[in-house]
């Protein structure tokens, strides 16, 4: 019983130190680190055995790599899209487009996740409600 309490205490301290090092403005952990953190959290909360922990880590790593590959593919596609758009625009339009993108990026900074749509857009004319 003492070993379990000590092990749980160590896990909590590791989790807290990892969280403290990241902070709000810190770098986001890579996919492998996120998979390990998720596994540790589940191991603690669900009291996984070592065998279960290894299996869960393998599953989490598999999905983390898949998500990372998908994200890279989206980034590549986005760059290609941007290049094609720019090939059509005049120099003045390109400058205006960059301004618009910068404005949108600034607006996203204040929102959690940077991807949440403003609530006002949900009920706009022609959007879902058919008005």
C-alpha atoms as a PDB file:
ATOM      1  CA  UNK A   1       0.000   0.000   0.000  1.00  0.00           C
ATOM      2  CA  UNK A   2       2.844   2.391   0.845  1.00  0.00           C
ATOM      3  CA  UNK A   3       4.462   1.685  -2.515  1.00  0.00           C
ATOM      4  CA  UNK A   4       1.225   2.540  -4.311  1.00  0.00           C
ATOM      5  CA  UNK A   5       0.900   5.824  -2.433  1.00  0.00           C
ATOM      6  CA  UNK A   6       4.533   6.718  -3.100  1.00  0.00           C
ATOM      7  CA  UNK A   7       4.216   5.806  -6.787  1.00  0.00           C
ATOM      8  CA  UNK A   8       1.039   7.890  -7.093  1.00  0.00           C
ATOM      9  CA  UNK A   9       2.761  10.821  -5.399  1.00  0.00           C
ATOM     10  CA  UNK A  10       5.701  10.592  -7.788  1.00  0.00           C
ATOM     11  CA  UNK A  11       3.351  10.511 -10.782  1.00  0.00           C
ATOM     12  CA  UNK A  12       1.544  13.613  -9.536  1.00  0.00           C
ATOM     13  CA  UNK A  13       4.838  15.444  -9.001  1.00  0.00           C
ATOM     14  CA  UNK A  14       6.037  14.518 -12.497  1.00  0.00           C
ATOM     15  CA  UNK A  15       2.757  15.687 -13.993  1.00  0.00           C
ATOM     16  CA  UNK A  16       2.862  18.957 -12.085  1.00  0.00           C
ATOM     17  CA  UNK A  17       6.481  19.640 -13.004  1.00  0.00           C
ATOM     18  CA  UNK A  18       5.748  18.924 -16.663  1.00  0.00           C
ATOM     19  CA  UNK A  19       2.755  21.247 -16.548  1.00  0.00           C
ATOM     20  CA  UNK A  20       4.744  23.968 -14.783  1.00  0.00           C
ATOM     21  CA  UNK A  21       7.531  23.784 -17.358  1.00  0.00           C
ATOM     22  CA  UNK A  22       5.109  24.201 -20.232  1.00  0.00           C
ATOM     23  CA  UNK A  23       3.227  27.121 -18.744  1.00  0.00           C
ATOM     24  CA  UNK A  24       0.706  29.072 -20.778  1.00  0.00           C
ATOM     25  CA  UNK A  25       3.144  30.576 -23.228  1.00  0.00           C
ATOM     26  CA  UNK A  26       5.419  27.564 -23.505  1.00  0.00           C
ATOM     27  CA  UNK A  27       5.829  25.406 -26.541  1.00  0.00           C
ATOM     28  CA  UNK A  28       3.216  22.794 -27.188  1.00  0.00           C
ATOM     29  CA  UNK A  29       4.454  19.270 -26.564  1.00  0.00           C
ATOM     30  CA  UNK A  30       5.067  17.181 -29.655  1.00  0.00           C
ATOM     31  CA  UNK A  31       2.801  14.256 -30.479  1.00  0.00           C
ATOM     32  CA  UNK A  32       5.051  11.722 -28.737  1.00  0.00           C
ATOM     33  CA  UNK A  33       5.116  13.762 -25.517  1.00  0.00           C
ATOM     34  CA  UNK A  34       1.334  14.204 -25.608  1.00  0.00           C
ATOM     35  CA  UNK A  35       0.879  10.443 -26.055  1.00  0.00           C
ATOM     36  CA  UNK A  36       3.151   9.768 -23.065  1.00  0.00           C
ATOM     37  CA  UNK A  37       1.356  12.368 -20.927  1.00  0.00           C
ATOM     38  CA  UNK A  38      -2.040  10.940 -21.820  1.00  0.00           C
ATOM     39  CA  UNK A  39      -0.810   7.445 -20.993  1.00  0.00           C
ATOM     40  CA  UNK A  40       0.565   8.569 -17.633  1.00  0.00           C
ATOM     41  CA  UNK A  41      -2.693  10.303 -16.792  1.00  0.00           C
ATOM     42  CA  UNK A  42      -4.720   7.215 -17.678  1.00  0.00           C
ATOM     43  CA  UNK A  43      -2.312   4.950 -15.822  1.00  0.00           C
ATOM     44  CA  UNK A  44      -2.788   7.033 -12.687  1.00  0.00           C
ATOM     45  CA  UNK A  45      -6.542   7.534 -12.960  1.00  0.00           C
ATOM     46  CA  UNK A  46      -7.372   3.982 -14.042  1.00  0.00           C
ATOM     47  CA  UNK A  47      -4.622   2.254 -12.049  1.00  0.00           C
ATOM     48  CA  UNK A  48      -3.304   0.448 -15.122  1.00  0.00           C
ATOM     49  CA  UNK A  49      -0.923  -2.449 -14.746  1.00  0.00           C
ATOM     50  CA  UNK A  50       2.485  -2.158 -16.432  1.00  0.00           C
ATOM     51  CA  UNK A  51       1.295  -4.439 -19.250  1.00  0.00           C
ATOM     52  CA  UNK A  52      -1.814  -2.313 -19.789  1.00  0.00           C
ATOM     53  CA  UNK A  53       0.262   0.853 -19.622  1.00  0.00           C
ATOM     54  CA  UNK A  54       2.554  -0.431 -22.404  1.00  0.00           C
ATOM     55  CA  UNK A  55      -0.423  -1.354 -24.568  1.00  0.00           C
ATOM     56  CA  UNK A  56      -2.132   2.002 -24.013  1.00  0.00           C
ATOM     57  CA  UNK A  57       1.116   3.837 -24.796  1.00  0.00           C
ATOM     58  CA  UNK A  58       1.470   1.913 -28.065  1.00  0.00           C
ATOM     59  CA  UNK A  59      -2.104   2.816 -29.036  1.00  0.00           C
ATOM     60  CA  UNK A  60      -1.627   6.464 -28.083  1.00  0.00           C
ATOM     61  CA  UNK A  61       1.652   6.652 -30.021  1.00  0.00           C
ATOM     62  CA  UNK A  62       0.029   5.138 -33.112  1.00  0.00           C
ATOM     63  CA  UNK A  63      -2.775   7.704 -33.103  1.00  0.00           C
ATOM     64  CA  UNK A  64      -0.423  10.574 -32.256  1.00  0.00           C
ATOM     65  CA  UNK A  65       1.714   9.766 -35.299  1.00  0.00           C
ATOM     66  CA  UNK A  66      -1.389   9.498 -37.472  1.00  0.00           C
ATOM     67  CA  UNK A  67      -2.660  12.899 -36.275  1.00  0.00           C
ATOM     68  CA  UNK A  68       0.763  14.448 -36.839  1.00  0.00           C
ATOM     69  CA  UNK A  69       0.886  13.110 -40.414  1.00  0.00           C
ATOM     70  CA  UNK A  70      -2.609  14.463 -41.078  1.00  0.00           C
ATOM     71  CA  UNK A  71      -1.620  17.862 -39.705  1.00  0.00           C
ATOM     72  CA  UNK A  72       1.453  17.969 -41.939  1.00  0.00           C
ATOM     73  CA  UNK A  73      -0.694  17.068 -44.946  1.00  0.00           C
ATOM     74  CA  UNK A  74      -3.139  19.884 -44.087  1.00  0.00           C
ATOM     75  CA  UNK A  75      -0.268  22.370 -43.790  1.00  0.00           C
ATOM     76  CA  UNK A  76       1.093  21.320 -47.166  1.00  0.00           C
ATOM     77  CA  UNK A  77      -2.350  21.594 -48.749  1.00  0.00           C
ATOM     78  CA  UNK A  78      -2.854  25.035 -47.186  1.00  0.00           C
ATOM     79  CA  UNK A  79       0.475  26.272 -48.611  1.00  0.00           C
ATOM     80  CA  UNK A  80      -0.443  24.969 -52.053  1.00  0.00           C
ATOM     81  CA  UNK A  81      -3.834  26.686 -51.816  1.00  0.00           C
ATOM     82  CA  UNK A  82      -2.229  29.961 -50.792  1.00  0.00           C
ATOM     83  CA  UNK A  83       0.302  29.778 -53.649  1.00  0.00           C
ATOM     84  CA  UNK A  84      -2.466  29.196 -56.185  1.00  0.00           C
ATOM     85  CA  UNK A  85      -4.500  32.117 -54.842  1.00  0.00           C
ATOM     86  CA  UNK A  86      -1.452  34.409 -54.934  1.00  0.00           C
ATOM     87  CA  UNK A  87      -0.742  33.441 -58.537  1.00  0.00           C
ATOM     88  CA  UNK A  88      -4.106  34.962 -59.506  1.00  0.00           C
ATOM     89  CA  UNK A  89      -3.867  38.209 -57.496  1.00  0.00           C
ATOM     90  CA  UNK A  90      -2.293  41.516 -58.472  1.00  0.00           C
ATOM     91  CA  UNK A  91       0.400  43.022 -56.240  1.00  0.00           C
ATOM     92  CA  UNK A  92      -2.142  45.352 -54.562  1.00  0.00           C
ATOM     93  CA  UNK A  93      -4.534  42.458 -53.989  1.00  0.00           C
ATOM     94  CA  UNK A  94      -1.739  40.339 -52.531  1.00  0.00           C
ATOM     95  CA  UNK A  95      -0.897  43.096 -50.036  1.00  0.00           C
ATOM     96  CA  UNK A  96      -4.573  43.459 -49.060  1.00  0.00           C
ATOM     97  CA  UNK A  97      -4.900  39.677 -48.737  1.00  0.00           C
ATOM     98  CA  UNK A  98      -1.917  39.539 -46.377  1.00  0.00           C
ATOM     99  CA  UNK A  99      -3.538  42.313 -44.292  1.00  0.00           C
ATOM    100  CA  UNK A 100      -6.797  40.386 -44.107  1.00  0.00           C
ATOM    101  CA  UNK A 101      -5.001  37.192 -43.059  1.00  0.00           C
ATOM    102  CA  UNK A 102      -3.084  39.074 -40.365  1.00  0.00           C
ATOM    103  CA  UNK A 103      -6.314  40.599 -39.035  1.00  0.00           C
ATOM    104  CA  UNK A 104      -7.970  37.186 -38.846  1.00  0.00           C
ATOM    105  CA  UNK A 105      -4.941  35.760 -37.084  1.00  0.00           C
ATOM    106  CA  UNK A 106      -5.081  38.549 -34.490  1.00  0.00           C
ATOM    107  CA  UNK A 107      -8.784  37.900 -33.921  1.00  0.00           C
ATOM    108  CA  UNK A 108      -8.083  34.204 -33.326  1.00  0.00           C
ATOM    109  CA  UNK A 109      -5.396  34.854 -30.721  1.00  0.00           C
ATOM    110  CA  UNK A 110      -7.936  35.818 -28.062  1.00  0.00           C
ATOM    111  CA  UNK A 111     -10.037  32.691 -28.514  1.00  0.00           C
ATOM    112  CA  UNK A 112      -9.339  29.335 -26.879  1.00  0.00           C
ATOM    113  CA  UNK A 113      -7.731  27.051 -29.429  1.00  0.00           C
ATOM    114  CA  UNK A 114      -7.644  29.896 -31.928  1.00  0.00           C
ATOM    115  CA  UNK A 115     -10.255  28.149 -34.048  1.00  0.00           C
ATOM    116  CA  UNK A 116     -13.603  28.878 -32.404  1.00  0.00           C
ATOM    117  CA  UNK A 117     -16.089  30.772 -34.558  1.00  0.00           C
ATOM    118  CA  UNK A 118     -17.810  33.819 -33.069  1.00  0.00           C
ATOM    119  CA  UNK A 119     -21.286  33.045 -31.774  1.00  0.00           C
ATOM    120  CA  UNK A 120     -22.824  35.726 -33.978  1.00  0.00           C
ATOM    121  CA  UNK A 121     -22.009  33.739 -37.098  1.00  0.00           C
ATOM    122  CA  UNK A 122     -24.146  30.769 -36.080  1.00  0.00           C
ATOM    123  CA  UNK A 123     -27.486  32.526 -36.517  1.00  0.00           C
ATOM    124  CA  UNK A 124     -26.553  34.529 -39.633  1.00  0.00           C
ATOM    125  CA  UNK A 125     -28.959  34.709 -42.515  1.00  0.00           C
ATOM    126  CA  UNK A 126     -28.716  31.600 -44.659  1.00  0.00           C
ATOM    127  CA  UNK A 127     -26.740  29.661 -42.073  1.00  0.00           C
ATOM    128  CA  UNK A 128     -28.556  26.560 -40.766  1.00  0.00           C
ATOM    129  CA  UNK A 129     -31.708  28.454 -39.845  1.00  0.00           C
ATOM    130  CA  UNK A 130     -32.583  29.096 -43.516  1.00  0.00           C
ATOM    131  CA  UNK A 131     -33.691  32.696 -42.931  1.00  0.00           C
END
